[in-house]
Amino acid sequence: MTTSLAVILGGAAGAVGLVALLVFLWFCLLHKRSVSRTSETGSSDPSLQAEQGIELSLLRGGPHPSDSREARRFMLDELNLATKNFSDINLIGQGKFGEVYKGLLNDGMIVAIKRRPGAPNQELIEEVRYLSSIRHRNIVILLGYCQENNQQMLVYEYIPNGSVSSHLYGAAQISNELLEFKNRLSVALGAAKGLEHLHALNPPLLHKDFNTRNVLVDENFVAKVADAGLTNLLGRIDAAGPSSRIVADDVFLDPEFIEFGRFSNKSNVYSFGVFLLELVSGQEALKSRFSESNQSMVEWVQNYQDTSDIAAIIDPRLSTSFTDESMKELIWLMAHCVNPSSERRPAMNYVVSELDRILEKEMNLTMIMGEGTPIVTLGSQLFTASR
């Protein structure tokens, strides 16, 4: 009985072993075919193949995949080459951080480089890492930094068409040409979206030097807010505190900040209202006054009523390229933004929604009036010769 049981158990064990061997051989055959197909046709899933490559690299101690939003540390030799040793030919401006140069990197990317004297500073690196992570269509991107040879440098994306101020009343202004009302509304909407994005960050980032010079336009006249967070950066790396680094022109500054030293998101709304005023008037608000009453343009808007003569404030170059209804709504929005009381000013998200509505309304009204279907044009064609 015992012998028979042993024979039965031995036979069962042998059968199990045989089945296991067959399963193993079948698995190996399938795996070989799979490898063969991959070697002949390449991976059917390139993203999976890439992920596997990254995993192997990490397991072998290789470099981590780079984050495109990470602040880049530029070498001085690279920036010297990009600017021809910071030649005066490439000097394009002077800002709060220092001289601004145009540069061409080895990879063909055009950048704007802000440079000033300064010893290496860890806080600059930390602030740049934060600011470079802010990405939005309507904000100028900070790409990275360089600290060598007792120089501090910030490297930004280059925006080719310069500032809005230069097109309204500065060096880029072209005689007998104008920026049509719909295009000015579009620029205003883009700038408002940039500020709205900054306010939506956690914690909110307040732009402490917002003005018409710090709104740039690209080749398609898409507005981009420049120097976001630069005041905070300067406050961290310099001896002066952030509050003493509020550097906007007085005309753009919130009256409550001037009087009480309080700066808030509504302070940005006030500055944006002055920006709208310059867009509509085509003049520099700081220097422009009405001769009859000696009022500043900001005071005129703050006292605006339905009965006011809006022609007094409108850029003559706009001619008849706008509807009275949309213009009056824009001036009303402007008046709310520059209200002396911050509590009575709208939030930036409301400003964005109103500008979006006014622009859409203006497009629809001008089409009804017989201007035809809007045509998308290049930025260089937005200026239309007046007749």
Protein backbone atom coordinates (compact mmCIF):
# COMPACT_ATOMS: atom_id res chain seq x y z
CA MET A 1 0.00 0.00 0.00
CA THR A 2 2.80 2.30 0.95
CA THR A 3 4.73 1.47 -2.22
CA SER A 4 1.70 2.12 -4.43
CA LEU A 5 1.09 5.48 -2.75
CA ALA A 6 4.70 6.49 -3.33
CA VAL A 7 4.48 5.55 -6.98
CA ILE A 8 1.29 7.61 -7.38
CA LEU A 9 2.78 10.67 -5.65
CA GLY A 10 5.97 10.41 -7.68
CA GLY A 11 4.01 10.23 -10.91
CA ALA A 12 1.93 13.28 -9.93
CA ALA A 13 5.03 15.27 -9.08
CA GLY A 14 6.60 14.33 -12.39
CA ALA A 15 3.46 15.43 -14.25
CA VAL A 16 3.44 18.81 -12.47
CA GLY A 17 7.11 19.29 -13.28
CA LEU A 18 6.49 18.44 -16.94
CA VAL A 19 3.62 20.97 -17.15
CA ALA A 20 5.78 23.66 -15.53
CA LEU A 21 8.56 22.94 -18.04
CA LEU A 22 6.15 23.22 -20.98
CA VAL A 23 4.74 26.53 -19.68
CA PHE A 24 8.26 27.93 -19.28
CA LEU A 25 9.25 26.91 -22.82
CA TRP A 26 6.01 28.44 -24.23
CA PHE A 27 6.69 31.74 -22.40
CA CYS A 28 10.27 31.86 -23.71
CA LEU A 29 9.06 31.26 -27.27
CA LEU A 30 6.53 34.12 -27.04
CA HIS A 31 9.14 36.47 -25.54
CA LYS A 32 11.58 35.63 -28.33
CA ARG A 33 8.95 36.44 -30.96
CA SER A 34 8.12 39.72 -29.25
CA VAL A 35 11.78 40.73 -29.17
CA SER A 36 12.13 39.71 -32.81
CA ARG A 37 9.15 41.87 -33.85
CA THR A 38 10.52 44.85 -31.92
CA SER A 39 13.96 44.53 -33.50
CA GLU A 40 12.46 44.35 -36.98
CA THR A 41 9.89 47.14 -36.81
CA GLY A 42 10.99 49.23 -33.85
CA SER A 43 8.89 49.79 -30.76
CA SER A 44 5.20 50.19 -31.46
CA ASP A 45 5.07 52.70 -28.58
CA PRO A 46 7.93 55.24 -28.80
CA SER A 47 6.86 57.00 -25.58
CA LEU A 48 7.06 53.72 -23.70
CA GLN A 49 10.49 53.05 -25.16
CA ALA A 50 11.61 56.53 -24.05
CA GLU A 51 10.26 55.97 -20.55
CA GLN A 52 12.10 52.66 -20.33
CA GLY A 53 15.28 54.38 -21.43
CA ILE A 54 14.87 57.03 -18.71
CA GLU A 55 14.23 54.34 -16.10
CA LEU A 56 17.39 52.48 -17.14
CA SER A 57 19.34 55.72 -17.06
CA LEU A 58 18.14 56.46 -13.55
CA LEU A 59 18.90 52.91 -12.38
CA ARG A 60 22.44 53.26 -13.75
CA GLY A 61 22.90 56.60 -12.04
CA GLY A 62 22.41 58.64 -15.23
CA PRO A 63 21.03 62.21 -15.36
CA HIS A 64 17.41 62.92 -14.52
CA PRO A 65 15.16 64.12 -17.36
CA SER A 66 15.38 67.89 -17.58
CA ASP A 67 12.44 70.14 -16.68
CA SER A 68 11.89 72.76 -19.41
CA ARG A 69 10.62 75.18 -16.73
CA GLU A 70 13.72 74.94 -14.58
CA ALA A 71 15.85 78.06 -14.39
CA ARG A 72 18.91 77.65 -16.56
CA ARG A 73 22.35 78.67 -15.40
CA PHE A 74 24.08 80.37 -18.32
CA MET A 75 27.85 80.57 -18.62
CA LEU A 76 29.48 83.98 -19.08
CA ASP A 77 31.39 82.75 -22.15
CA GLU A 78 28.09 81.76 -23.74
CA LEU A 79 26.53 85.18 -23.12
CA ASN A 80 29.68 86.99 -24.25
CA LEU A 81 29.49 85.10 -27.53
CA ALA A 82 25.75 85.78 -27.84
CA THR A 83 26.21 89.56 -27.47
CA LYS A 84 29.63 89.94 -29.11
CA ASN A 85 31.14 90.70 -25.70
CA PHE A 86 28.18 92.93 -24.80
CA SER A 87 28.83 95.24 -27.71
CA ASP A 88 27.07 98.60 -27.76
CA ILE A 89 25.50 97.48 -31.03
CA ASN A 90 23.48 94.97 -29.04
CA LEU A 91 22.54 97.39 -26.25
CA ILE A 92 18.76 97.83 -26.51
CA GLY A 93 17.83 99.59 -23.30
CA GLN A 94 18.33 100.46 -19.67
CA GLY A 95 16.05 99.06 -16.98
CA LYS A 96 15.71 98.86 -13.22
CA PHE A 97 18.07 95.87 -13.11
CA GLY A 98 20.64 97.42 -15.41
CA GLU A 99 21.63 97.48 -19.06
CA VAL A 100 19.61 95.31 -21.47
CA TYR A 101 21.29 93.54 -24.39
CA LYS A 102 19.98 91.51 -27.27
CA GLY A 103 21.75 88.19 -27.74
CA LEU A 104 21.76 85.21 -30.09
CA LEU A 105 22.43 81.87 -28.38
CA ASN A 106 24.19 78.93 -30.02
CA ASP A 107 20.87 77.12 -30.48
CA GLY A 108 19.50 80.06 -32.50
CA MET A 109 17.29 81.46 -29.75
CA ILE A 110 17.20 85.27 -29.40
CA VAL A 111 17.23 86.50 -25.80
CA ALA A 112 17.23 89.72 -23.81
CA ILE A 113 19.97 89.89 -21.18
CA LYS A 114 19.81 92.28 -18.23
CA ARG A 115 23.21 92.91 -16.69
CA ARG A 116 24.54 94.80 -13.67
CA PRO A 117 27.55 94.65 -11.34
CA GLY A 118 27.11 92.36 -8.36
CA ALA A 119 28.69 89.56 -6.39
CA PRO A 120 27.19 86.04 -6.59
CA ASN A 121 24.02 85.82 -4.52
CA GLN A 122 22.16 82.67 -3.54
CA GLU A 123 18.90 84.56 -3.05
CA LEU A 124 19.01 85.68 -6.67
CA ILE A 125 19.19 82.03 -7.73
CA GLU A 126 16.25 81.08 -5.50
CA GLU A 127 14.10 83.96 -6.76
CA VAL A 128 14.97 83.25 -10.40
CA ARG A 129 14.03 79.59 -9.92
CA TYR A 130 10.58 80.68 -8.75
CA LEU A 131 10.02 83.37 -11.38
CA SER A 132 11.18 81.13 -14.25
CA SER A 133 8.46 78.62 -13.34
CA ILE A 134 5.75 81.19 -14.19
CA ARG A 135 4.63 80.45 -17.74
CA HIS A 136 1.75 82.21 -19.48
CA ARG A 137 1.09 83.44 -23.01
CA ASN A 138 0.87 87.03 -21.75
CA ILE A 139 3.94 87.09 -19.50
CA VAL A 140 7.56 87.50 -20.62
CA ILE A 141 9.42 84.32 -19.63
CA LEU A 142 12.50 84.50 -17.44
CA LEU A 143 14.79 81.76 -18.78
CA GLY A 144 17.68 81.82 -16.34
CA TYR A 145 20.61 83.67 -14.84
CA CYS A 146 24.38 84.07 -14.83
CA GLN A 147 26.65 85.08 -11.95
CA GLU A 148 30.28 85.33 -12.93
CA ASN A 149 33.10 87.87 -12.89
CA ASN A 150 31.24 90.04 -10.32
CA GLN A 151 28.27 90.42 -12.64
CA GLN A 152 24.63 89.47 -12.16
CA MET A 153 22.59 88.71 -15.27
CA LEU A 154 19.00 87.74 -15.99
CA VAL A 155 18.15 86.10 -19.31
CA TYR A 156 14.63 86.57 -20.73
CA GLU A 157 12.90 85.57 -23.93
CA TYR A 158 13.26 88.37 -26.48
CA ILE A 159 10.07 90.18 -27.50
CA PRO A 160 10.70 91.71 -30.94
CA ASN A 161 8.20 94.58 -31.20
CA GLY A 162 9.17 96.42 -28.04
CA SER A 163 6.92 98.18 -25.56
CA VAL A 164 3.42 99.51 -26.06
CA SER A 165 4.64 102.93 -24.94
CA SER A 166 7.13 103.09 -27.80
CA HIS A 167 4.32 102.55 -30.32
CA LEU A 168 1.99 105.08 -28.68
CA TYR A 169 4.32 108.00 -28.03
CA GLY A 170 7.91 106.77 -28.12
CA ALA A 171 10.68 105.95 -30.57
CA ALA A 172 8.65 103.35 -32.54
CA GLN A 173 5.81 105.79 -33.22
CA ILE A 174 5.36 106.30 -36.96
CA SER A 175 4.04 109.56 -38.31
CA ASN A 176 0.54 109.48 -39.86
CA GLU A 177 -0.05 105.90 -38.73
CA LEU A 178 -2.26 104.44 -36.04
CA LEU A 179 -3.01 101.35 -34.03
CA GLU A 180 -6.69 100.61 -34.60
CA PHE A 181 -9.09 100.54 -31.67
CA LYS A 182 -9.80 96.79 -31.89
CA ASN A 183 -6.08 96.08 -31.78
CA ARG A 184 -5.63 98.35 -28.76
CA LEU A 185 -8.46 96.47 -27.05
CA SER A 186 -6.72 93.19 -27.86
CA VAL A 187 -3.46 94.46 -26.35
CA ALA A 188 -5.34 95.60 -23.24
CA LEU A 189 -7.00 92.19 -22.89
CA GLY A 190 -3.67 90.38 -23.19
CA ALA A 191 -2.03 92.56 -20.54
CA ALA A 192 -5.03 92.10 -18.24
CA LYS A 193 -4.79 88.31 -18.62
CA GLY A 194 -1.10 88.47 -17.68
CA LEU A 195 -1.86 90.38 -14.47
CA GLU A 196 -4.82 88.11 -13.73
CA HIS A 197 -2.51 85.07 -13.93
CA LEU A 198 -0.05 86.67 -11.51
CA HIS A 199 -2.86 87.41 -9.04
CA ALA A 200 -4.12 83.81 -9.29
CA LEU A 201 -0.78 82.34 -8.15
CA ASN A 202 -0.50 80.97 -4.63
CA PRO A 203 0.58 83.23 -3.06
CA PRO A 204 -0.43 86.02 -5.49
CA LEU A 205 2.42 87.84 -7.21
CA LEU A 206 1.88 91.61 -7.34
CA HIS A 207 3.56 93.57 -10.11
CA LYS A 208 5.10 96.58 -8.39
CA ASP A 209 6.24 98.34 -11.54
CA PHE A 210 3.36 97.91 -13.96
CA ASN A 211 3.20 100.61 -16.63
CA THR A 212 2.94 100.99 -20.39
CA ARG A 213 6.72 100.52 -20.83
CA ASN A 214 6.45 97.11 -19.14
CA VAL A 215 3.88 95.75 -21.56
CA LEU A 216 5.68 94.38 -24.62
CA VAL A 217 4.24 93.13 -27.89
CA ASP A 218 5.55 90.28 -30.02
CA GLU A 219 5.60 89.95 -33.81
CA ASN A 220 1.82 89.34 -33.83
CA PHE A 221 1.17 92.13 -31.34
CA VAL A 222 0.31 89.72 -28.54
CA ALA A 223 0.78 91.65 -25.29
CA LYS A 224 3.20 90.28 -22.70
CA VAL A 225 3.71 91.70 -19.21
CA ALA A 226 7.42 92.22 -18.50
CA ASP A 227 9.44 92.39 -15.26
CA ALA A 228 6.90 90.47 -13.17
CA GLY A 229 8.51 89.87 -9.77
CA LEU A 230 11.63 91.90 -10.59
CA THR A 231 10.94 94.35 -7.77
CA ASN A 232 10.72 91.50 -5.27
CA LEU A 233 13.96 90.05 -6.60
CA LEU A 234 15.76 93.37 -6.22
CA GLY A 235 14.35 93.70 -2.72
CA ARG A 236 15.77 90.31 -1.74
CA ILE A 237 19.25 90.70 -3.14
CA ASP A 238 19.80 94.37 -2.28
CA ALA A 239 20.04 96.03 1.11
CA ALA A 240 16.79 97.94 0.52
CA GLY A 241 13.61 96.14 1.52
CA PRO A 242 10.91 95.19 -0.99
CA SER A 243 8.56 97.99 0.11
CA SER A 244 11.16 100.63 -0.72
CA ARG A 245 11.56 99.11 -4.16
CA ILE A 246 8.17 100.20 -5.51
CA VAL A 247 9.45 101.94 -8.60
CA ALA A 248 6.44 102.66 -10.81
CA ASP A 249 5.96 106.23 -12.06
CA ASP A 250 3.88 108.29 -9.64
CA VAL A 251 1.05 108.54 -12.15
CA PHE A 252 0.72 104.73 -12.15
CA LEU A 253 0.91 104.39 -8.36
CA ASP A 254 -2.13 103.69 -6.24
CA PRO A 255 -2.96 106.86 -4.22
CA GLU A 256 -3.55 104.63 -1.17
CA PHE A 257 0.00 103.31 -1.45
CA ILE A 258 1.38 106.84 -1.71
CA GLU A 259 -0.60 107.92 1.36
CA PHE A 260 -0.61 104.81 3.56
CA GLY A 261 2.12 102.56 2.12
CA ARG A 262 -0.38 99.76 1.40
CA PHE A 263 0.20 97.82 -1.83
CA SER A 264 -2.36 95.22 -2.91
CA ASN A 265 -3.80 93.53 -5.99
CA LYS A 266 -6.10 96.56 -6.31
CA SER A 267 -2.93 98.67 -6.67
CA ASN A 268 -2.24 96.72 -9.86
CA VAL A 269 -5.80 97.43 -10.99
CA TYR A 270 -5.18 101.16 -10.53
CA SER A 271 -1.98 100.97 -12.59
CA PHE A 272 -3.86 99.03 -15.25
CA GLY A 273 -6.47 101.80 -15.42
CA VAL A 274 -3.73 104.32 -16.21
CA PHE A 275 -2.40 101.89 -18.82
CA LEU A 276 -5.86 101.86 -20.45
CA LEU A 277 -5.87 105.65 -20.38
CA GLU A 278 -2.59 105.81 -22.29
CA LEU A 279 -3.85 103.21 -24.79
CA VAL A 280 -6.96 105.28 -25.52
CA SER A 281 -5.33 108.72 -25.49
CA GLY A 282 -2.05 107.79 -27.17
CA GLN A 283 -0.33 110.14 -24.71
CA GLU A 284 1.92 109.81 -21.69
CA ALA A 285 -0.39 110.35 -18.72
CA LEU A 286 2.37 111.82 -16.56
CA LYS A 287 2.98 114.71 -18.95
CA SER A 288 -0.50 115.36 -20.37
CA ARG A 289 -2.94 117.89 -18.92
CA PHE A 290 -6.04 119.67 -20.17
CA SER A 291 -5.12 123.30 -20.68
CA GLU A 292 -8.58 124.68 -19.87
CA SER A 293 -8.99 123.09 -16.43
CA ASN A 294 -5.36 122.15 -15.77
CA GLN A 295 -6.65 118.67 -14.90
CA SER A 296 -4.44 115.68 -15.43
CA MET A 297 -5.83 112.94 -17.69
CA VAL A 298 -6.23 110.67 -14.67
CA GLU A 299 -8.27 113.33 -12.87
CA TRP A 300 -10.45 113.71 -15.97
CA VAL A 301 -11.21 109.99 -15.99
CA GLN A 302 -11.86 109.91 -12.24
CA ASN A 303 -14.48 112.65 -12.74
CA TYR A 304 -15.93 111.12 -15.91
CA GLN A 305 -19.71 111.37 -16.35
CA ASP A 306 -22.06 110.29 -19.14
CA THR A 307 -22.25 113.91 -20.23
CA SER A 308 -18.49 114.26 -20.57
CA ASP A 309 -17.03 114.96 -23.97
CA ILE A 310 -15.09 111.76 -24.67
CA ALA A 311 -13.45 113.31 -27.72
CA ALA A 312 -11.21 115.25 -25.33
CA ILE A 313 -9.49 112.07 -24.20
CA ILE A 314 -9.33 110.00 -27.42
CA ASP A 315 -6.23 109.70 -29.57
CA PRO A 316 -6.97 111.70 -32.78
CA ARG A 317 -5.14 108.99 -34.75
CA LEU A 318 -8.00 106.61 -33.98
CA SER A 319 -10.15 108.69 -36.32
CA THR A 320 -13.40 106.76 -36.82
CA SER A 321 -12.03 103.26 -36.21
CA PHE A 322 -14.27 102.69 -33.16
CA THR A 323 -17.90 102.79 -32.07
CA ASP A 324 -19.02 105.33 -29.46
CA GLU A 325 -20.75 102.60 -27.46
CA SER A 326 -17.65 100.45 -27.00
CA MET A 327 -15.44 103.48 -26.32
CA LYS A 328 -17.77 104.75 -23.59
CA GLU A 329 -17.85 101.30 -21.96
CA LEU A 330 -14.06 101.16 -22.01
CA ILE A 331 -13.79 104.62 -20.42
CA TRP A 332 -16.27 103.56 -17.73
CA LEU A 333 -14.12 100.51 -16.99
CA MET A 334 -11.06 102.77 -16.91
CA ALA A 335 -12.80 105.11 -14.44
CA HIS A 336 -13.60 102.20 -12.11
CA CYS A 337 -9.98 101.00 -12.23
CA VAL A 338 -8.56 104.41 -11.20
CA ASN A 339 -11.09 105.01 -8.42
CA PRO A 340 -9.18 106.61 -5.51
CA SER A 341 -10.73 104.01 -3.19
CA SER A 342 -9.30 100.52 -3.64
CA GLU A 343 -12.51 98.96 -2.31
CA ARG A 344 -14.43 100.39 -5.27
CA ARG A 345 -12.04 99.07 -7.89
CA PRO A 346 -12.84 95.78 -9.66
CA ALA A 347 -10.66 92.68 -9.43
CA MET A 348 -8.49 91.75 -12.41
CA ASN A 349 -10.68 88.78 -13.36
CA TYR A 350 -13.62 91.20 -13.74
CA VAL A 351 -11.46 93.53 -15.84
CA VAL A 352 -10.54 90.59 -18.11
CA SER A 353 -14.17 89.55 -18.58
CA GLU A 354 -15.25 93.13 -19.34
CA LEU A 355 -12.47 93.70 -21.87
CA ASP A 356 -13.31 90.39 -23.51
CA ARG A 357 -16.96 91.41 -23.75
CA ILE A 358 -16.18 94.91 -25.08
CA LEU A 359 -13.78 93.54 -27.71
CA GLU A 360 -16.30 90.95 -28.90
CA LYS A 361 -19.01 93.60 -29.00
CA GLU A 362 -16.80 95.98 -30.97
CA MET A 363 -15.96 93.27 -33.49
CA ASN A 364 -19.64 92.46 -33.97
CA LEU A 365 -20.73 96.10 -34.20
CA THR A 366 -18.10 97.06 -36.76
CA MET A 367 -19.01 94.04 -38.90
CA ILE A 368 -22.69 95.07 -38.82
CA MET A 369 -21.67 98.59 -39.81
CA GLY A 370 -20.14 97.22 -42.99
CA GLU A 371 -16.45 96.77 -42.25
CA GLY A 372 -16.71 93.19 -43.43
CA THR A 373 -15.12 90.06 -42.05
CA PRO A 374 -12.07 90.68 -39.86
CA ILE A 375 -8.79 89.64 -41.45
CA VAL A 376 -5.91 88.27 -39.35
CA THR A 377 -2.79 90.33 -40.06
CA LEU A 378 0.81 90.28 -38.99
CA GLY A 379 1.91 92.65 -36.26
CA SER A 380 3.84 94.78 -38.73
CA GLN A 381 0.61 95.36 -40.66
CA LEU A 382 -1.47 96.49 -37.70
CA PHE A 383 -0.54 100.10 -38.26
CA THR A 384 -2.82 101.40 -40.99
CA ALA A 385 -1.97 104.60 -42.80
CA SER A 386 -4.61 107.25 -42.10
CA ARG A 387 -6.40 108.78 -45.04
